[in-house]
Amino acid sequence: MKGMVFTEFLDMVEETFSIDMVDDIIDAANPKSGGAYTSVGVYDHQELVDMVMALSERTEIAPEALVKAFGQHLFKVFFKKYPSFFKGVSDSFTFLSSVEDFIHPEVLKLYPDAQLPRFDCEREGDTLTMTYHSSRHFSDLAEGLILGCALHYGENVQVKRESLDENSTRFQITRC
């Protein structure tokens, strides 16, 4: 997993809780990398899972809620760092539908070693169905990114989620 995800997670923890909490969760997780991440490095995704679990234990916030909140945070970061991805896009469904065919190829140009999830999309009226495929099991992160996207575009959406198998989750996103 790209180091940028790790550095942004730790930034979110610092902003939301404190720098001491960052130190505490790194100490508790005892990651193989030592907790020193660079945005362009590649790290085992389990290190992030371990830090989320350590944060959950300390805050008594469910891991799923923390990861969804991180997804919303990460969407804001993507908007600031990669404004070209958003040019000419006026709504969340258009943006989300472009992830697989436009965003991910652009990400791979910037980070050729990135291991990205795959998204299959179907749009029907006020409903967008996105099927997430990844062996990393970060459906909560994907849902947080979806919610962050809707917030960015000022849209109210309802997200229904269905686990299809060990590596796939279907998100049905409906505009309210």
C-alpha atoms as a PDB file:
ATOM      1  CA  MET A   1       0.000   0.000   0.000  1.00  0.00           C
ATOM      2  CA  LYS A   2       1.310   3.450  -0.909  1.00  0.00           C
ATOM      3  CA  GLY A   3       2.896   5.389   1.922  1.00  0.00           C
ATOM      4  CA  MET A   4       0.718   8.387   1.171  1.00  0.00           C
ATOM      5  CA  VAL A   5      -2.206   6.491   2.717  1.00  0.00           C
ATOM      6  CA  PHE A   6      -0.169   5.943   5.893  1.00  0.00           C
ATOM      7  CA  THR A   7       1.073   9.518   6.147  1.00  0.00           C
ATOM      8  CA  GLU A   8      -2.439  10.884   5.627  1.00  0.00           C
ATOM      9  CA  PHE A   9      -3.865   8.506   8.226  1.00  0.00           C
ATOM     10  CA  LEU A  10      -1.326   9.685  10.777  1.00  0.00           C
ATOM     11  CA  ASP A  11      -2.040  13.321   9.825  1.00  0.00           C
ATOM     12  CA  MET A  12      -5.747  12.707  10.419  1.00  0.00           C
ATOM     13  CA  VAL A  13      -5.023  11.111  13.797  1.00  0.00           C
ATOM     14  CA  GLU A  14      -2.864  14.076  14.791  1.00  0.00           C
ATOM     15  CA  GLU A  15      -5.486  16.621  13.643  1.00  0.00           C
ATOM     16  CA  THR A  16      -8.386  14.772  15.266  1.00  0.00           C
ATOM     17  CA  PHE A  17      -6.732  13.526  18.453  1.00  0.00           C
ATOM     18  CA  SER A  18      -3.106  14.576  19.055  1.00  0.00           C
ATOM     19  CA  ILE A  19       0.517  13.933  18.180  1.00  0.00           C
ATOM     20  CA  ASP A  20       0.732  11.888  21.379  1.00  0.00           C
ATOM     21  CA  MET A  21      -2.007   9.610  20.029  1.00  0.00           C
ATOM     22  CA  VAL A  22       0.051   9.126  16.852  1.00  0.00           C
ATOM     23  CA  ASP A  23       3.020   8.037  18.965  1.00  0.00           C
ATOM     24  CA  ASP A  24       0.811   5.790  21.103  1.00  0.00           C
ATOM     25  CA  ILE A  25      -0.726   3.912  18.181  1.00  0.00           C
ATOM     26  CA  ILE A  26       2.615   3.472  16.432  1.00  0.00           C
ATOM     27  CA  ASP A  27       4.099   2.111  19.668  1.00  0.00           C
ATOM     28  CA  ALA A  28       1.116  -0.213  20.184  1.00  0.00           C
ATOM     29  CA  ALA A  29       1.065  -1.451  16.589  1.00  0.00           C
ATOM     30  CA  ASN A  30       4.842  -1.904  16.494  1.00  0.00           C
ATOM     31  CA  PRO A  31       4.926  -1.875  12.670  1.00  0.00           C
ATOM     32  CA  LYS A  32       7.709  -3.650  10.817  1.00  0.00           C
ATOM     33  CA  SER A  33       8.549  -0.340   9.121  1.00  0.00           C
ATOM     34  CA  GLY A  34       9.049   1.300  12.504  1.00  0.00           C
ATOM     35  CA  GLY A  35       6.232   3.737  11.740  1.00  0.00           C
ATOM     36  CA  ALA A  36       8.430   5.915   9.529  1.00  0.00           C
ATOM     37  CA  TYR A  37       6.472   6.356   6.297  1.00  0.00           C
ATOM     38  CA  THR A  38       7.206   8.287   3.145  1.00  0.00           C
ATOM     39  CA  SER A  39       4.428   9.177   0.746  1.00  0.00           C
ATOM     40  CA  VAL A  40       6.083   7.346  -2.148  1.00  0.00           C
ATOM     41  CA  GLY A  41       7.086   4.235  -0.191  1.00  0.00           C
ATOM     42  CA  VAL A  42       5.155   0.958  -0.263  1.00  0.00           C
ATOM     43  CA  TYR A  43       4.181  -0.724   3.005  1.00  0.00           C
ATOM     44  CA  ASP A  44       2.229  -3.747   4.174  1.00  0.00           C
ATOM     45  CA  HIS A  45      -1.436  -2.773   4.539  1.00  0.00           C
ATOM     46  CA  GLN A  46      -1.572  -4.788   7.776  1.00  0.00           C
ATOM     47  CA  GLU A  47       0.432  -1.997   9.439  1.00  0.00           C
ATOM     48  CA  LEU A  48      -2.452   0.387   8.780  1.00  0.00           C
ATOM     49  CA  VAL A  49      -4.963  -2.158  10.081  1.00  0.00           C
ATOM     50  CA  ASP A  50      -2.914  -2.569  13.259  1.00  0.00           C
ATOM     51  CA  MET A  51      -2.772   1.197  13.813  1.00  0.00           C
ATOM     52  CA  VAL A  52      -6.534   1.513  13.266  1.00  0.00           C
ATOM     53  CA  MET A  53      -7.110  -1.222  15.843  1.00  0.00           C
ATOM     54  CA  ALA A  54      -4.780   0.519  18.314  1.00  0.00           C
ATOM     55  CA  LEU A  55      -6.625   3.808  17.743  1.00  0.00           C
ATOM     56  CA  SER A  56      -9.972   2.085  18.206  1.00  0.00           C
ATOM     57  CA  GLU A  57      -8.849   0.603  21.534  1.00  0.00           C
ATOM     58  CA  ARG A  58      -7.735   4.018  22.797  1.00  0.00           C
ATOM     59  CA  THR A  59     -10.720   6.026  21.569  1.00  0.00           C
ATOM     60  CA  GLU A  60     -13.470   3.395  21.921  1.00  0.00           C
ATOM     61  CA  ILE A  61     -14.566   4.261  18.397  1.00  0.00           C
ATOM     62  CA  ALA A  62     -15.360   1.268  16.201  1.00  0.00           C
ATOM     63  CA  PRO A  63     -12.612   0.498  13.667  1.00  0.00           C
ATOM     64  CA  GLU A  64     -15.164   0.657  10.842  1.00  0.00           C
ATOM     65  CA  ALA A  65     -16.171   4.199  11.846  1.00  0.00           C
ATOM     66  CA  LEU A  66     -12.528   5.287  12.032  1.00  0.00           C
ATOM     67  CA  VAL A  67     -11.767   3.907   8.570  1.00  0.00           C
ATOM     68  CA  LYS A  68     -14.879   5.542   7.057  1.00  0.00           C
ATOM     69  CA  ALA A  69     -13.877   8.857   8.644  1.00  0.00           C
ATOM     70  CA  PHE A  70     -10.409   8.379   7.195  1.00  0.00           C
ATOM     71  CA  GLY A  71     -11.934   7.802   3.758  1.00  0.00           C
ATOM     72  CA  GLN A  72     -13.762  11.126   4.004  1.00  0.00           C
ATOM     73  CA  HIS A  73     -10.533  12.822   5.111  1.00  0.00           C
ATOM     74  CA  LEU A  74      -8.625  11.189   2.255  1.00  0.00           C
ATOM     75  CA  PHE A  75     -11.112  12.439  -0.327  1.00  0.00           C
ATOM     76  CA  LYS A  76     -10.437  16.028   0.788  1.00  0.00           C
ATOM     77  CA  VAL A  77      -6.704  15.365   0.483  1.00  0.00           C
ATOM     78  CA  PHE A  78      -7.132  13.959  -3.028  1.00  0.00           C
ATOM     79  CA  PHE A  79      -9.055  17.086  -4.040  1.00  0.00           C
ATOM     80  CA  LYS A  80      -6.262  19.344  -2.760  1.00  0.00           C
ATOM     81  CA  LYS A  81      -3.373  17.298  -4.178  1.00  0.00           C
ATOM     82  CA  TYR A  82      -4.859  16.278  -7.514  1.00  0.00           C
ATOM     83  CA  PRO A  83      -7.157  19.090  -8.724  1.00  0.00           C
ATOM     84  CA  SER A  84      -6.824  17.943 -12.330  1.00  0.00           C
ATOM     85  CA  PHE A  85      -8.853  14.819 -11.463  1.00  0.00           C
ATOM     86  CA  PHE A  86     -11.826  17.061 -10.697  1.00  0.00           C
ATOM     87  CA  LYS A  87     -11.746  19.441 -13.672  1.00  0.00           C
ATOM     88  CA  GLY A  88     -15.026  19.468 -15.548  1.00  0.00           C
ATOM     89  CA  VAL A  89     -16.742  17.156 -13.061  1.00  0.00           C
ATOM     90  CA  SER A  90     -19.918  18.610 -11.566  1.00  0.00           C
ATOM     91  CA  ASP A  91     -21.390  15.767  -9.503  1.00  0.00           C
ATOM     92  CA  SER A  92     -20.420  12.757  -7.418  1.00  0.00           C
ATOM     93  CA  PHE A  93     -21.815  10.120  -9.775  1.00  0.00           C
ATOM     94  CA  THR A  94     -19.749  11.419 -12.677  1.00  0.00           C
ATOM     95  CA  PHE A  95     -16.630  11.477 -10.538  1.00  0.00           C
ATOM     96  CA  LEU A  96     -17.193   8.042  -8.979  1.00  0.00           C
ATOM     97  CA  SER A  97     -17.966   6.534 -12.388  1.00  0.00           C
ATOM     98  CA  SER A  98     -14.615   7.803 -13.638  1.00  0.00           C
ATOM     99  CA  VAL A  99     -12.476   6.165 -10.960  1.00  0.00           C
ATOM    100  CA  GLU A 100     -11.670   2.962 -12.834  1.00  0.00           C
ATOM    101  CA  ASP A 101     -11.322   4.362 -16.346  1.00  0.00           C
ATOM    102  CA  PHE A 102      -9.740   7.766 -15.671  1.00  0.00           C
ATOM    103  CA  ILE A 103      -8.541   8.240 -12.073  1.00  0.00           C
ATOM    104  CA  HIS A 104      -6.778   4.905 -11.567  1.00  0.00           C
ATOM    105  CA  PRO A 105      -4.822   5.078 -14.861  1.00  0.00           C
ATOM    106  CA  GLU A 106      -3.686   8.590 -13.889  1.00  0.00           C
ATOM    107  CA  VAL A 107      -2.678   7.362 -10.424  1.00  0.00           C
ATOM    108  CA  LEU A 108      -0.647   4.581 -12.032  1.00  0.00           C
ATOM    109  CA  LYS A 109       1.211   7.181 -14.113  1.00  0.00           C
ATOM    110  CA  LEU A 110       2.209   8.945 -10.900  1.00  0.00           C
ATOM    111  CA  TYR A 111       2.788   5.771  -8.870  1.00  0.00           C
ATOM    112  CA  PRO A 112       3.484   2.827 -11.191  1.00  0.00           C
ATOM    113  CA  ASP A 113       3.860   0.410  -8.277  1.00  0.00           C
ATOM    114  CA  ALA A 114       0.472   1.291  -6.733  1.00  0.00           C
ATOM    115  CA  GLN A 115      -1.804  -1.693  -6.151  1.00  0.00           C
ATOM    116  CA  LEU A 116      -5.264  -0.274  -6.653  1.00  0.00           C
ATOM    117  CA  PRO A 117      -8.665  -1.815  -6.031  1.00  0.00           C
ATOM    118  CA  ARG A 118     -10.964  -2.305  -8.998  1.00  0.00           C
ATOM    119  CA  PHE A 119     -14.418  -0.728  -9.345  1.00  0.00           C
ATOM    120  CA  ASP A 120     -17.211  -1.795 -11.679  1.00  0.00           C
ATOM    121  CA  CYS A 121     -19.925   0.851 -12.068  1.00  0.00           C
ATOM    122  CA  GLU A 122     -23.508   0.880 -13.319  1.00  0.00           C
ATOM    123  CA  ARG A 123     -25.623   4.000 -13.325  1.00  0.00           C
ATOM    124  CA  GLU A 124     -29.396   3.991 -13.477  1.00  0.00           C
ATOM    125  CA  GLY A 125     -31.182   7.283 -12.825  1.00  0.00           C
ATOM    126  CA  ASP A 126     -30.534   8.457  -9.276  1.00  0.00           C
ATOM    127  CA  THR A 127     -28.678   5.267  -8.352  1.00  0.00           C
ATOM    128  CA  LEU A 128     -25.053   4.366  -8.940  1.00  0.00           C
ATOM    129  CA  THR A 129     -23.922   0.834  -8.195  1.00  0.00           C
ATOM    130  CA  MET A 130     -20.208   0.431  -7.559  1.00  0.00           C
ATOM    131  CA  THR A 131     -18.693  -2.981  -6.995  1.00  0.00           C
ATOM    132  CA  TYR A 132     -15.386  -2.828  -5.148  1.00  0.00           C
ATOM    133  CA  HIS A 133     -12.853  -5.619  -5.665  1.00  0.00           C
ATOM    134  CA  SER A 134      -9.754  -5.855  -3.471  1.00  0.00           C
ATOM    135  CA  SER A 135      -7.948  -8.483  -1.435  1.00  0.00           C
ATOM    136  CA  ARG A 136      -7.156  -5.816   1.177  1.00  0.00           C
ATOM    137  CA  HIS A 137     -10.681  -5.666   2.603  1.00  0.00           C
ATOM    138  CA  PHE A 138     -10.920  -1.883   2.855  1.00  0.00           C
ATOM    139  CA  SER A 139     -14.611  -1.599   2.010  1.00  0.00           C
ATOM    140  CA  ASP A 140     -14.994   0.851   4.897  1.00  0.00           C
ATOM    141  CA  LEU A 141     -12.343   3.082   3.321  1.00  0.00           C
ATOM    142  CA  ALA A 142     -14.131   2.870  -0.048  1.00  0.00           C
ATOM    143  CA  GLU A 143     -17.414   3.813   1.620  1.00  0.00           C
ATOM    144  CA  GLY A 144     -15.751   6.745   3.362  1.00  0.00           C
ATOM    145  CA  LEU A 145     -14.348   7.935   0.032  1.00  0.00           C
ATOM    146  CA  ILE A 146     -17.820   7.645  -1.537  1.00  0.00           C
ATOM    147  CA  LEU A 147     -19.337   9.679   1.308  1.00  0.00           C
ATOM    148  CA  GLY A 148     -16.500  12.211   1.077  1.00  0.00           C
ATOM    149  CA  CYS A 149     -17.178  12.586  -2.632  1.00  0.00           C
ATOM    150  CA  ALA A 150     -20.881  13.232  -2.047  1.00  0.00           C
ATOM    151  CA  LEU A 151     -20.040  15.819   0.636  1.00  0.00           C
ATOM    152  CA  HIS A 152     -17.579  17.498  -1.711  1.00  0.00           C
ATOM    153  CA  TYR A 153     -20.276  17.925  -4.349  1.00  0.00           C
ATOM    154  CA  GLY A 154     -22.889  18.966  -1.769  1.00  0.00           C
ATOM    155  CA  GLU A 155     -25.099  15.959  -2.437  1.00  0.00           C
ATOM    156  CA  ASN A 156     -27.158  13.899  -0.013  1.00  0.00           C
ATOM    157  CA  VAL A 157     -26.786  10.200  -0.699  1.00  0.00           C
ATOM    158  CA  GLN A 158     -27.788   6.963   0.913  1.00  0.00           C
ATOM    159  CA  VAL A 159     -25.265   4.146   0.663  1.00  0.00           C
ATOM    160  CA  LYS A 160     -26.374   0.525   0.926  1.00  0.00           C
ATOM    161  CA  ARG A 161     -23.641  -2.025   1.119  1.00  0.00           C
ATOM    162  CA  GLU A 162     -23.632  -5.732   0.346  1.00  0.00           C
ATOM    163  CA  SER A 163     -20.718  -8.116   0.746  1.00  0.00           C
ATOM    164  CA  LEU A 164     -20.554 -10.327  -2.327  1.00  0.00           C
ATOM    165  CA  ASP A 165     -17.613 -12.494  -1.353  1.00  0.00           C
ATOM    166  CA  GLU A 166     -14.339 -12.263   0.545  1.00  0.00           C
ATOM    167  CA  ASN A 167     -12.881  -9.699  -1.867  1.00  0.00           C
ATOM    168  CA  SER A 168     -15.914  -7.875  -3.292  1.00  0.00           C
ATOM    169  CA  THR A 169     -18.481  -5.427  -1.939  1.00  0.00           C
ATOM    170  CA  ARG A 170     -21.365  -3.820  -3.798  1.00  0.00           C
ATOM    171  CA  PHE A 171     -22.262  -0.235  -2.932  1.00  0.00           C
ATOM    172  CA  GLN A 172     -25.657   1.053  -4.037  1.00  0.00           C
ATOM    173  CA  ILE A 173     -25.509   4.846  -3.876  1.00  0.00           C
ATOM    174  CA  THR A 174     -28.808   6.686  -4.194  1.00  0.00           C
ATOM    175  CA  ARG A 175     -29.314  10.431  -4.310  1.00  0.00           C
ATOM    176  CA  CYS A 176     -31.836  11.567  -1.733  1.00  0.00           C
END
